[in-house]
Amino acid sequence: MNRDFKEGDMAVYPAHGVGEVKGIETREISGEKHKFYILKILDNGMTIMVPKGNVKSVGLREIINGDEVEEVFEILKERDVTVDTQTWNRRYREYMDKIKTGSVYEIAEVLRDLSLLKFEKELSFGERKMLDMARNLLVRELAVATGQEEAEIFQEIQKIFKS
């Protein structure tokens, strides 16, 4: 699903989350002209230049649609899962790899698994940070996708894991 983004479009950059395409610029590198998307990440204001030709390889993608939002909530509500009980650092690496894919579904799985694990045992510092990161990435994208406030999405997610 390699598409052209326009100025003002929202897009998801793996592991950084939702950003707005602020412009499209041409830069000369090693004597060759290349077009870049100028992406401003909403979470921290960081600006990222993504070569237009590398959109697919870096994983830049569109915000999910309504049907996909429902799928994300289904993943979060799933309880018939086996939470990996391997060592925390092995689990951490595995979850970090999932977050780096930029897939909203993989991020939802990380949030779900760590939230469920939290009921069973104390999470390590790294796992708590990762839980927060996964939650923040999901909340922001779901808020943009649904047009809801981030606080509303955050509350919905909290309710899912109160049970």
N, C-alpha and C. Protein backbone atom coordinates (compact mmCIF):
# COMPACT_ATOMS: atom_id res chain seq x y z
N MET A 1 0.86 -1.18 0.00
CA MET A 1 0.00 0.00 0.00
C MET A 1 0.90 1.24 0.00
N ASN A 2 1.70 1.36 -1.03
CA ASN A 2 2.61 2.48 -1.16
C ASN A 2 1.85 3.64 -1.81
N ARG A 3 1.56 4.66 -1.04
CA ARG A 3 0.79 5.75 -1.59
C ARG A 3 1.56 7.05 -1.45
N ASP A 4 1.12 8.03 -2.22
CA ASP A 4 1.71 9.36 -2.10
C ASP A 4 1.00 10.11 -1.00
N PHE A 5 1.76 10.73 -0.14
CA PHE A 5 1.19 11.56 0.90
C PHE A 5 1.22 13.00 0.42
N LYS A 6 0.26 13.77 0.88
CA LYS A 6 0.22 15.19 0.55
C LYS A 6 0.48 15.98 1.82
N GLU A 7 0.84 17.23 1.65
CA GLU A 7 1.03 18.11 2.79
C GLU A 7 -0.27 18.14 3.60
N GLY A 8 -0.14 18.01 4.92
CA GLY A 8 -1.32 18.01 5.80
C GLY A 8 -1.83 16.61 6.12
N ASP A 9 -1.40 15.60 5.36
CA ASP A 9 -1.81 14.21 5.65
C ASP A 9 -1.19 13.75 6.97
N MET A 10 -1.87 12.85 7.63
CA MET A 10 -1.33 12.21 8.82
C MET A 10 -0.80 10.84 8.39
N ALA A 11 0.32 10.46 8.98
CA ALA A 11 0.93 9.17 8.66
C ALA A 11 1.56 8.61 9.93
N VAL A 12 1.83 7.31 9.92
CA VAL A 12 2.44 6.66 11.07
C VAL A 12 3.86 6.25 10.70
N TYR A 13 4.82 6.68 11.52
CA TYR A 13 6.21 6.31 11.34
C TYR A 13 6.55 5.30 12.45
N PRO A 14 7.00 4.09 12.08
CA PRO A 14 7.24 3.05 13.08
C PRO A 14 8.06 3.52 14.29
N ALA A 15 7.60 3.13 15.47
CA ALA A 15 8.24 3.38 16.77
C ALA A 15 8.19 4.85 17.20
N HIS A 16 7.74 5.75 16.31
CA HIS A 16 7.61 7.16 16.69
C HIS A 16 6.17 7.60 16.72
N GLY A 17 5.32 6.90 15.98
CA GLY A 17 3.90 7.19 16.01
C GLY A 17 3.43 8.13 14.92
N VAL A 18 2.33 8.81 15.24
CA VAL A 18 1.64 9.64 14.26
C VAL A 18 2.39 10.94 14.02
N GLY A 19 2.48 11.28 12.75
CA GLY A 19 3.09 12.54 12.37
C GLY A 19 2.29 13.19 11.25
N GLU A 20 2.52 14.47 11.07
CA GLU A 20 1.84 15.19 10.00
C GLU A 20 2.87 15.50 8.92
N VAL A 21 2.46 15.28 7.67
CA VAL A 21 3.33 15.62 6.55
C VAL A 21 3.29 17.15 6.42
N LYS A 22 4.42 17.77 6.75
CA LYS A 22 4.50 19.23 6.74
C LYS A 22 4.89 19.77 5.38
N GLY A 23 5.47 18.90 4.55
CA GLY A 23 5.84 19.35 3.22
C GLY A 23 6.57 18.27 2.46
N ILE A 24 6.84 18.55 1.21
CA ILE A 24 7.61 17.64 0.36
C ILE A 24 8.72 18.49 -0.24
N GLU A 25 9.96 18.08 0.03
CA GLU A 25 11.11 18.87 -0.42
C GLU A 25 12.01 18.03 -1.30
N THR A 26 12.70 18.71 -2.19
CA THR A 26 13.69 18.05 -3.03
C THR A 26 15.07 18.46 -2.51
N ARG A 27 15.90 17.49 -2.26
CA ARG A 27 17.27 17.74 -1.80
C ARG A 27 18.23 17.03 -2.73
N GLU A 28 19.40 17.64 -2.87
CA GLU A 28 20.42 17.00 -3.70
C GLU A 28 21.40 16.27 -2.79
N ILE A 29 21.56 14.98 -3.07
CA ILE A 29 22.48 14.15 -2.28
C ILE A 29 23.38 13.42 -3.27
N SER A 30 24.68 13.61 -3.10
CA SER A 30 25.67 13.00 -4.00
C SER A 30 25.35 13.28 -5.46
N GLY A 31 24.95 14.50 -5.74
CA GLY A 31 24.69 14.88 -7.12
C GLY A 31 23.35 14.44 -7.68
N GLU A 32 22.56 13.71 -6.88
CA GLU A 32 21.26 13.25 -7.35
C GLU A 32 20.16 13.95 -6.56
N LYS A 33 19.08 14.28 -7.26
CA LYS A 33 17.94 14.92 -6.59
C LYS A 33 17.01 13.84 -6.04
N HIS A 34 16.59 14.04 -4.78
CA HIS A 34 15.66 13.11 -4.13
C HIS A 34 14.54 13.90 -3.49
N LYS A 35 13.33 13.35 -3.55
CA LYS A 35 12.18 13.98 -2.88
C LYS A 35 12.02 13.36 -1.50
N PHE A 36 11.71 14.22 -0.53
CA PHE A 36 11.53 13.78 0.85
C PHE A 36 10.20 14.28 1.40
N TYR A 37 9.56 13.42 2.18
CA TYR A 37 8.43 13.88 2.99
C TYR A 37 9.02 14.47 4.26
N ILE A 38 8.55 15.63 4.65
CA ILE A 38 8.96 16.23 5.92
C ILE A 38 7.84 15.91 6.90
N LEU A 39 8.14 15.05 7.86
CA LEU A 39 7.13 14.54 8.79
C LEU A 39 7.41 15.09 10.18
N LYS A 40 6.40 15.70 10.78
CA LYS A 40 6.55 16.21 12.15
C LYS A 40 5.77 15.28 13.08
N ILE A 41 6.50 14.63 13.98
CA ILE A 41 5.88 13.68 14.91
C ILE A 41 5.08 14.44 15.96
N LEU A 42 3.81 14.07 16.13
CA LEU A 42 2.92 14.79 17.05
C LEU A 42 3.37 14.68 18.50
N ASP A 43 3.87 13.51 18.87
CA ASP A 43 4.20 13.25 20.27
C ASP A 43 5.29 14.17 20.81
N ASN A 44 6.34 14.40 20.01
CA ASN A 44 7.49 15.13 20.55
C ASN A 44 7.97 16.28 19.66
N GLY A 45 7.27 16.52 18.55
CA GLY A 45 7.63 17.62 17.67
C GLY A 45 8.85 17.36 16.80
N MET A 46 9.41 16.15 16.89
CA MET A 46 10.59 15.80 16.11
C MET A 46 10.25 15.83 14.61
N THR A 47 11.19 16.30 13.81
CA THR A 47 11.00 16.32 12.37
C THR A 47 11.84 15.20 11.75
N ILE A 48 11.20 14.43 10.88
CA ILE A 48 11.86 13.32 10.22
C ILE A 48 11.73 13.52 8.72
N MET A 49 12.83 13.34 8.02
CA MET A 49 12.80 13.41 6.55
C MET A 49 12.77 11.97 6.03
N VAL A 50 11.71 11.64 5.29
CA VAL A 50 11.57 10.30 4.75
C VAL A 50 11.69 10.37 3.23
N PRO A 51 12.72 9.72 2.65
CA PRO A 51 12.83 9.72 1.19
C PRO A 51 11.58 9.09 0.57
N LYS A 52 10.98 9.77 -0.40
CA LYS A 52 9.76 9.26 -1.03
C LYS A 52 9.92 7.83 -1.53
N GLY A 53 11.11 7.53 -2.04
CA GLY A 53 11.35 6.18 -2.57
C GLY A 53 11.51 5.12 -1.50
N ASN A 54 11.64 5.53 -0.24
CA ASN A 54 11.86 4.57 0.85
C ASN A 54 10.65 4.42 1.76
N VAL A 55 9.52 4.97 1.37
CA VAL A 55 8.33 4.93 2.22
C VAL A 55 8.02 3.51 2.67
N LYS A 56 8.04 2.59 1.73
CA LYS A 56 7.70 1.20 2.06
C LYS A 56 8.75 0.57 2.98
N SER A 57 10.01 0.78 2.66
CA SER A 57 11.07 0.13 3.44
C SER A 57 11.17 0.67 4.87
N VAL A 58 10.85 1.95 5.09
CA VAL A 58 10.90 2.47 6.46
C VAL A 58 9.59 2.20 7.20
N GLY A 59 8.55 1.81 6.46
CA GLY A 59 7.30 1.44 7.11
C GLY A 59 6.32 2.59 7.31
N LEU A 60 6.57 3.72 6.66
CA LEU A 60 5.62 4.84 6.76
C LEU A 60 4.29 4.39 6.18
N ARG A 61 3.21 4.62 6.93
CA ARG A 61 1.90 4.14 6.46
C ARG A 61 0.80 5.12 6.85
N GLU A 62 -0.36 4.87 6.25
CA GLU A 62 -1.53 5.69 6.54
C GLU A 62 -2.08 5.36 7.93
N ILE A 63 -2.85 6.28 8.47
CA ILE A 63 -3.59 6.05 9.72
C ILE A 63 -4.63 4.96 9.42
N ILE A 64 -4.92 4.13 10.40
CA ILE A 64 -5.90 3.06 10.20
C ILE A 64 -7.30 3.63 10.01
N ASN A 65 -8.20 2.82 9.43
CA ASN A 65 -9.58 3.24 9.22
C ASN A 65 -10.49 2.64 10.30
N GLY A 66 -11.77 2.93 10.22
CA GLY A 66 -12.75 2.50 11.22
C GLY A 66 -12.79 1.00 11.49
N ASP A 67 -12.75 0.20 10.41
CA ASP A 67 -12.78 -1.26 10.58
C ASP A 67 -11.54 -1.72 11.34
N GLU A 68 -10.41 -1.13 11.01
CA GLU A 68 -9.16 -1.51 11.66
C GLU A 68 -9.16 -1.10 13.14
N VAL A 69 -9.81 0.01 13.45
CA VAL A 69 -9.94 0.45 14.85
C VAL A 69 -10.66 -0.64 15.65
N GLU A 70 -11.74 -1.19 15.07
CA GLU A 70 -12.48 -2.27 15.74
C GLU A 70 -11.59 -3.48 15.97
N GLU A 71 -10.78 -3.81 14.96
CA GLU A 71 -9.87 -4.96 15.09
C GLU A 71 -8.88 -4.75 16.23
N VAL A 72 -8.38 -3.52 16.36
CA VAL A 72 -7.43 -3.21 17.44
C VAL A 72 -8.09 -3.45 18.79
N PHE A 73 -9.33 -2.97 18.94
CA PHE A 73 -10.03 -3.18 20.22
C PHE A 73 -10.30 -4.66 20.47
N GLU A 74 -10.55 -5.43 19.41
CA GLU A 74 -10.74 -6.88 19.57
C GLU A 74 -9.45 -7.52 20.09
N ILE A 75 -8.32 -7.11 19.56
CA ILE A 75 -7.02 -7.64 20.01
C ILE A 75 -6.82 -7.30 21.49
N LEU A 76 -7.14 -6.07 21.86
CA LEU A 76 -6.96 -5.65 23.26
C LEU A 76 -7.87 -6.45 24.20
N LYS A 77 -9.05 -6.82 23.72
CA LYS A 77 -10.02 -7.52 24.58
C LYS A 77 -9.75 -9.03 24.65
N GLU A 78 -8.96 -9.53 23.72
CA GLU A 78 -8.65 -10.97 23.68
C GLU A 78 -8.01 -11.41 24.99
N ARG A 79 -8.54 -12.45 25.59
CA ARG A 79 -7.99 -12.93 26.86
C ARG A 79 -7.44 -14.35 26.77
N ASP A 80 -7.73 -15.02 25.67
CA ASP A 80 -7.29 -16.40 25.51
C ASP A 80 -5.89 -16.41 24.89
N VAL A 81 -4.95 -15.73 25.56
CA VAL A 81 -3.59 -15.65 25.05
C VAL A 81 -2.63 -16.17 26.10
N THR A 82 -1.56 -16.73 25.63
CA THR A 82 -0.52 -17.19 26.53
C THR A 82 0.53 -16.10 26.59
N VAL A 83 0.67 -15.51 27.76
CA VAL A 83 1.69 -14.47 27.91
C VAL A 83 3.02 -15.17 28.10
N ASP A 84 3.95 -14.77 27.29
CA ASP A 84 5.28 -15.38 27.28
C ASP A 84 5.95 -15.24 28.65
N THR A 85 6.36 -16.35 29.22
CA THR A 85 6.99 -16.29 30.54
C THR A 85 8.50 -16.46 30.46
N GLN A 86 9.06 -16.28 29.26
CA GLN A 86 10.52 -16.35 29.14
C GLN A 86 11.13 -15.18 29.91
N THR A 87 12.43 -15.12 29.96
CA THR A 87 13.09 -14.06 30.74
C THR A 87 12.64 -12.70 30.24
N TRP A 88 12.59 -11.73 31.14
CA TRP A 88 12.06 -10.42 30.79
C TRP A 88 12.83 -9.77 29.65
N ASN A 89 14.18 -9.98 29.60
CA ASN A 89 14.95 -9.31 28.54
C ASN A 89 14.68 -9.93 27.17
N ARG A 90 14.38 -11.22 27.15
CA ARG A 90 14.04 -11.86 25.89
C ARG A 90 12.66 -11.37 25.42
N ARG A 91 11.75 -11.30 26.37
CA ARG A 91 10.40 -10.80 26.09
C ARG A 91 10.48 -9.34 25.62
N TYR A 92 11.33 -8.56 26.30
CA TYR A 92 11.51 -7.15 25.96
C TYR A 92 11.95 -6.99 24.52
N ARG A 93 12.95 -7.77 24.11
CA ARG A 93 13.45 -7.70 22.73
C ARG A 93 12.35 -8.05 21.72
N GLU A 94 11.61 -9.11 22.05
CA GLU A 94 10.53 -9.56 21.17
C GLU A 94 9.47 -8.47 21.02
N TYR A 95 9.09 -7.85 22.15
CA TYR A 95 8.08 -6.80 22.12
C TYR A 95 8.61 -5.56 21.39
N MET A 96 9.87 -5.23 21.58
CA MET A 96 10.46 -4.07 20.92
C MET A 96 10.44 -4.29 19.41
N ASP A 97 10.74 -5.51 18.98
CA ASP A 97 10.69 -5.82 17.55
C ASP A 97 9.28 -5.60 17.01
N LYS A 98 8.27 -5.99 17.79
CA LYS A 98 6.88 -5.79 17.36
C LYS A 98 6.56 -4.31 17.23
N ILE A 99 7.00 -3.51 18.20
CA ILE A 99 6.73 -2.07 18.16
C ILE A 99 7.41 -1.45 16.94
N LYS A 100 8.63 -1.89 16.66
CA LYS A 100 9.39 -1.32 15.54
C LYS A 100 8.77 -1.63 14.18
N THR A 101 7.90 -2.65 14.10
CA THR A 101 7.25 -2.94 12.81
C THR A 101 6.33 -1.79 12.42
N GLY A 102 5.82 -1.06 13.43
CA GLY A 102 4.88 0.02 13.16
C GLY A 102 3.47 -0.49 12.96
N SER A 103 3.27 -1.81 13.01
CA SER A 103 1.94 -2.39 12.83
C SER A 103 1.08 -2.10 14.05
N VAL A 104 -0.06 -1.48 13.83
CA VAL A 104 -0.96 -1.15 14.93
C VAL A 104 -1.41 -2.43 15.65
N TYR A 105 -1.50 -3.53 14.93
CA TYR A 105 -1.93 -4.80 15.53
C TYR A 105 -0.84 -5.37 16.44
N GLU A 106 0.39 -5.30 15.99
CA GLU A 106 1.51 -5.79 16.80
C GLU A 106 1.64 -4.96 18.08
N ILE A 107 1.47 -3.63 17.94
CA ILE A 107 1.56 -2.74 19.10
C ILE A 107 0.42 -3.05 20.08
N ALA A 108 -0.77 -3.33 19.53
CA ALA A 108 -1.91 -3.69 20.38
C ALA A 108 -1.62 -4.98 21.15
N GLU A 109 -0.96 -5.93 20.49
CA GLU A 109 -0.60 -7.19 21.16
C GLU A 109 0.37 -6.94 22.31
N VAL A 110 1.35 -6.06 22.08
CA VAL A 110 2.32 -5.74 23.13
C VAL A 110 1.60 -5.11 24.32
N LEU A 111 0.72 -4.15 24.05
CA LEU A 111 -0.03 -3.49 25.12
C LEU A 111 -0.87 -4.51 25.89
N ARG A 112 -1.58 -5.37 25.16
CA ARG A 112 -2.41 -6.38 25.79
C ARG A 112 -1.57 -7.33 26.65
N ASP A 113 -0.51 -7.86 26.06
CA ASP A 113 0.30 -8.86 26.77
C ASP A 113 0.94 -8.28 28.03
N LEU A 114 1.48 -7.08 27.92
CA LEU A 114 2.12 -6.47 29.09
C LEU A 114 1.08 -6.09 30.15
N SER A 115 -0.09 -5.64 29.69
CA SER A 115 -1.15 -5.29 30.64
C SER A 115 -1.62 -6.53 31.40
N LEU A 116 -1.74 -7.64 30.71
CA LEU A 116 -2.16 -8.89 31.36
C LEU A 116 -1.05 -9.41 32.28
N LEU A 117 0.18 -9.31 31.84
CA LEU A 117 1.32 -9.76 32.63
C LEU A 117 1.42 -8.98 33.94
N LYS A 118 1.05 -7.69 33.87
CA LYS A 118 1.11 -6.81 35.03
C LYS A 118 0.22 -7.33 36.18
N PHE A 119 -0.86 -8.04 35.82
CA PHE A 119 -1.74 -8.61 36.85
C PHE A 119 -1.08 -9.80 37.55
N GLU A 120 -0.17 -10.46 36.83
CA GLU A 120 0.47 -11.66 37.37
C GLU A 120 1.72 -11.36 38.18
N LYS A 121 2.46 -10.35 37.72
CA LYS A 121 3.72 -10.07 38.41
C LYS A 121 4.13 -8.63 38.16
N GLU A 122 5.10 -8.19 38.93
CA GLU A 122 5.65 -6.84 38.77
C GLU A 122 6.42 -6.76 37.45
N LEU A 123 6.14 -5.73 36.67
CA LEU A 123 6.88 -5.55 35.42
C LEU A 123 8.23 -4.90 35.72
N SER A 124 9.22 -5.23 34.90
CA SER A 124 10.53 -4.58 35.04
C SER A 124 10.38 -3.13 34.60
N PHE A 125 11.36 -2.31 34.93
CA PHE A 125 11.34 -0.90 34.53
C PHE A 125 11.19 -0.78 33.01
N GLY A 126 11.98 -1.56 32.28
CA GLY A 126 11.94 -1.54 30.82
C GLY A 126 10.57 -1.94 30.28
N GLU A 127 9.96 -2.94 30.92
CA GLU A 127 8.63 -3.38 30.48
C GLU A 127 7.58 -2.31 30.76
N ARG A 128 7.71 -1.62 31.90
CA ARG A 128 6.75 -0.54 32.22
C ARG A 128 6.87 0.58 31.19
N LYS A 129 8.12 0.92 30.82
CA LYS A 129 8.33 1.97 29.81
C LYS A 129 7.75 1.53 28.46
N MET A 130 7.94 0.25 28.14
CA MET A 130 7.43 -0.27 26.88
C MET A 130 5.91 -0.28 26.87
N LEU A 131 5.30 -0.63 28.00
CA LEU A 131 3.84 -0.60 28.15
C LEU A 131 3.34 0.81 27.87
N ASP A 132 3.98 1.80 28.48
CA ASP A 132 3.60 3.21 28.26
C ASP A 132 3.78 3.61 26.80
N MET A 133 4.89 3.17 26.21
CA MET A 133 5.16 3.51 24.81
C MET A 133 4.09 2.92 23.89
N ALA A 134 3.77 1.65 24.09
CA ALA A 134 2.75 0.99 23.27
C ALA A 134 1.40 1.68 23.46
N ARG A 135 1.07 2.00 24.70
CA ARG A 135 -0.21 2.67 24.99
C ARG A 135 -0.26 4.03 24.29
N ASN A 136 0.82 4.81 24.42
CA ASN A 136 0.85 6.14 23.81
C ASN A 136 0.73 6.08 22.29
N LEU A 137 1.46 5.14 21.67
CA LEU A 137 1.39 5.00 20.21
C LEU A 137 -0.03 4.66 19.77
N LEU A 138 -0.67 3.74 20.51
CA LEU A 138 -2.04 3.33 20.16
C LEU A 138 -3.04 4.44 20.40
N VAL A 139 -2.95 5.07 21.57
CA VAL A 139 -3.91 6.13 21.92
C VAL A 139 -3.88 7.23 20.86
N ARG A 140 -2.69 7.66 20.50
CA ARG A 140 -2.59 8.76 19.52
C ARG A 140 -3.17 8.36 18.17
N GLU A 141 -2.82 7.17 17.68
CA GLU A 141 -3.33 6.77 16.37
C GLU A 141 -4.83 6.54 16.40
N LEU A 142 -5.33 5.90 17.45
CA LEU A 142 -6.78 5.66 17.54
C LEU A 142 -7.54 6.98 17.66
N ALA A 143 -6.98 7.94 18.37
CA ALA A 143 -7.64 9.25 18.50
C ALA A 143 -7.73 9.94 17.14
N VAL A 144 -6.64 9.92 16.38
CA VAL A 144 -6.63 10.54 15.05
C VAL A 144 -7.59 9.78 14.12
N ALA A 145 -7.56 8.44 14.21
CA ALA A 145 -8.38 7.61 13.31
C ALA A 145 -9.88 7.80 13.57
N THR A 146 -10.25 8.02 14.84
CA THR A 146 -11.67 8.11 15.18
C THR A 146 -12.16 9.54 15.36
N GLY A 147 -11.22 10.49 15.43
CA GLY A 147 -11.61 11.87 15.66
C GLY A 147 -11.98 12.13 17.11
N GLN A 148 -11.63 11.21 18.00
CA GLN A 148 -11.91 11.38 19.43
C GLN A 148 -10.73 12.03 20.12
N GLU A 149 -10.98 12.50 21.33
CA GLU A 149 -9.90 13.04 22.15
C GLU A 149 -9.03 11.88 22.64
N GLU A 150 -7.74 12.14 22.81
CA GLU A 150 -6.84 11.10 23.32
C GLU A 150 -7.29 10.61 24.69
N ALA A 151 -7.78 11.52 25.52
CA ALA A 151 -8.23 11.14 26.87
C ALA A 151 -9.36 10.12 26.81
N GLU A 152 -10.26 10.27 25.83
CA GLU A 152 -11.37 9.32 25.69
C GLU A 152 -10.85 7.93 25.33
N ILE A 153 -9.93 7.88 24.38
CA ILE A 153 -9.35 6.61 23.94
C ILE A 153 -8.61 5.97 25.11
N PHE A 154 -7.85 6.79 25.84
CA PHE A 154 -7.09 6.30 27.00
C PHE A 154 -8.06 5.65 27.99
N GLN A 155 -9.19 6.31 28.26
CA GLN A 155 -10.19 5.76 29.20
C GLN A 155 -10.75 4.42 28.68
N GLU A 156 -11.03 4.35 27.38
CA GLU A 156 -11.56 3.11 26.80
C GLU A 156 -10.57 1.96 27.00
N ILE A 157 -9.30 2.25 26.76
CA ILE A 157 -8.27 1.23 26.92
C ILE A 157 -8.15 0.83 28.38
N GLN A 158 -8.18 1.82 29.28
CA GLN A 158 -8.10 1.53 30.72
C GLN A 158 -9.24 0.60 31.14
N LYS A 159 -10.45 0.86 30.64
CA LYS A 159 -11.62 0.04 30.98
C LYS A 159 -11.42 -1.41 30.57
N ILE A 160 -10.82 -1.61 29.40
CA ILE A 160 -10.60 -2.97 28.90
C ILE A 160 -9.75 -3.77 29.88
N PHE A 161 -8.76 -3.11 30.50
CA PHE A 161 -7.83 -3.84 31.37
C PHE A 161 -8.18 -3.75 32.85
N LYS A 162 -9.32 -3.17 33.17
CA LYS A 162 -9.75 -3.12 34.58
C LYS A 162 -10.29 -4.47 35.03
N SER A 163 -10.74 -5.28 34.07
CA SER A 163 -11.37 -6.56 34.40
C SER A 163 -10.41 -7.57 34.98
